[in-house]
Amino acid sequence: MGWRQVVALLHFMYCGEVVVEEDHLVDLLNAASSLSVTGLSHVTSALVSSQVG
């Protein structure tokens, strides 16, 4: 997990939203999932489900 993910996660936790480049989205969602960040960790599951199905 890099500093970009940490900064983005902190911004999400304090502001309720975060804007990231598409290239960094998967890394952010993986970091959120590994830290069980409420509000972003469920997005990872939905994203994976939509890609599989």
C-alpha atoms as a PDB file:
ATOM      1  CA  MET A   1       0.000   0.000   0.000  1.00  0.00           C
ATOM      2  CA  GLY A   2       1.496   3.281  -1.112  1.00  0.00           C
ATOM      3  CA  TRP A   3       1.179   6.817   0.142  1.00  0.00           C
ATOM      4  CA  ARG A   4      -1.372   7.671  -2.561  1.00  0.00           C
ATOM      5  CA  GLN A   5      -3.749   5.031  -1.250  1.00  0.00           C
ATOM      6  CA  VAL A   6      -3.285   6.163   2.346  1.00  0.00           C
ATOM      7  CA  VAL A   7      -3.933   9.808   1.474  1.00  0.00           C
ATOM      8  CA  ALA A   8      -6.974   8.896  -0.632  1.00  0.00           C
ATOM      9  CA  LEU A   9      -8.388   6.673   2.124  1.00  0.00           C
ATOM     10  CA  LEU A  10      -7.927   9.402   4.727  1.00  0.00           C
ATOM     11  CA  HIS A  11      -9.619  11.902   2.439  1.00  0.00           C
ATOM     12  CA  PHE A  12     -12.527   9.491   1.953  1.00  0.00           C
ATOM     13  CA  MET A  13     -12.849   8.883   5.697  1.00  0.00           C
ATOM     14  CA  TYR A  14     -12.905  12.602   6.540  1.00  0.00           C
ATOM     15  CA  CYS A  15     -14.784  14.005   3.539  1.00  0.00           C
ATOM     16  CA  GLY A  16     -17.001  11.102   2.535  1.00  0.00           C
ATOM     17  CA  GLU A  17     -15.773  11.083  -1.040  1.00  0.00           C
ATOM     18  CA  VAL A  18     -12.552  10.811  -2.964  1.00  0.00           C
ATOM     19  CA  VAL A  19     -11.501  11.411  -6.553  1.00  0.00           C
ATOM     20  CA  VAL A  20      -8.757   9.209  -7.975  1.00  0.00           C
ATOM     21  CA  GLU A  21      -7.437   8.529 -11.425  1.00  0.00           C
ATOM     22  CA  GLU A  22      -8.768   5.385 -13.026  1.00  0.00           C
ATOM     23  CA  ASP A  23      -5.234   3.943 -13.079  1.00  0.00           C
ATOM     24  CA  HIS A  24      -5.162   4.070  -9.266  1.00  0.00           C
ATOM     25  CA  LEU A  25      -8.712   2.902  -8.588  1.00  0.00           C
ATOM     26  CA  VAL A  26      -7.964  -0.814  -8.236  1.00  0.00           C
ATOM     27  CA  ASP A  27      -5.081  -0.120  -5.837  1.00  0.00           C
ATOM     28  CA  LEU A  28      -7.319   2.127  -3.742  1.00  0.00           C
ATOM     29  CA  LEU A  29     -10.105  -0.440  -3.601  1.00  0.00           C
ATOM     30  CA  ASN A  30      -7.657  -3.202  -2.666  1.00  0.00           C
ATOM     31  CA  ALA A  31      -6.252  -1.059   0.142  1.00  0.00           C
ATOM     32  CA  ALA A  32      -9.772  -0.231   1.348  1.00  0.00           C
ATOM     33  CA  SER A  33     -10.691  -3.893   1.317  1.00  0.00           C
ATOM     34  CA  SER A  34      -7.599  -4.979   3.231  1.00  0.00           C
ATOM     35  CA  LEU A  35      -8.272  -2.305   5.872  1.00  0.00           C
ATOM     36  CA  SER A  36     -12.053  -2.932   5.864  1.00  0.00           C
ATOM     37  CA  VAL A  37     -12.842   0.720   5.174  1.00  0.00           C
ATOM     38  CA  THR A  38     -16.618   1.005   5.409  1.00  0.00           C
ATOM     39  CA  GLY A  39     -18.104   2.459   2.251  1.00  0.00           C
ATOM     40  CA  LEU A  40     -15.301   1.426  -0.056  1.00  0.00           C
ATOM     41  CA  SER A  41     -14.700  -2.206   0.836  1.00  0.00           C
ATOM     42  CA  HIS A  42     -18.143  -3.234  -0.448  1.00  0.00           C
ATOM     43  CA  VAL A  43     -17.398  -1.491  -3.767  1.00  0.00           C
ATOM     44  CA  THR A  44     -14.551  -3.933  -4.327  1.00  0.00           C
ATOM     45  CA  SER A  45     -16.893  -6.907  -3.974  1.00  0.00           C
ATOM     46  CA  ALA A  46     -19.417  -5.363  -6.349  1.00  0.00           C
ATOM     47  CA  LEU A  47     -16.692  -4.525  -8.867  1.00  0.00           C
ATOM     48  CA  VAL A  48     -15.305  -8.056  -8.816  1.00  0.00           C
ATOM     49  CA  SER A  49     -18.780  -9.527  -9.140  1.00  0.00           C
ATOM     50  CA  SER A  50     -19.598  -7.374 -12.147  1.00  0.00           C
ATOM     51  CA  GLN A  51     -16.321  -8.293 -13.881  1.00  0.00           C
ATOM     52  CA  VAL A  52     -16.827 -12.025 -13.299  1.00  0.00           C
ATOM     53  CA  GLY A  53     -20.485 -12.124 -14.329  1.00  0.00           C
END
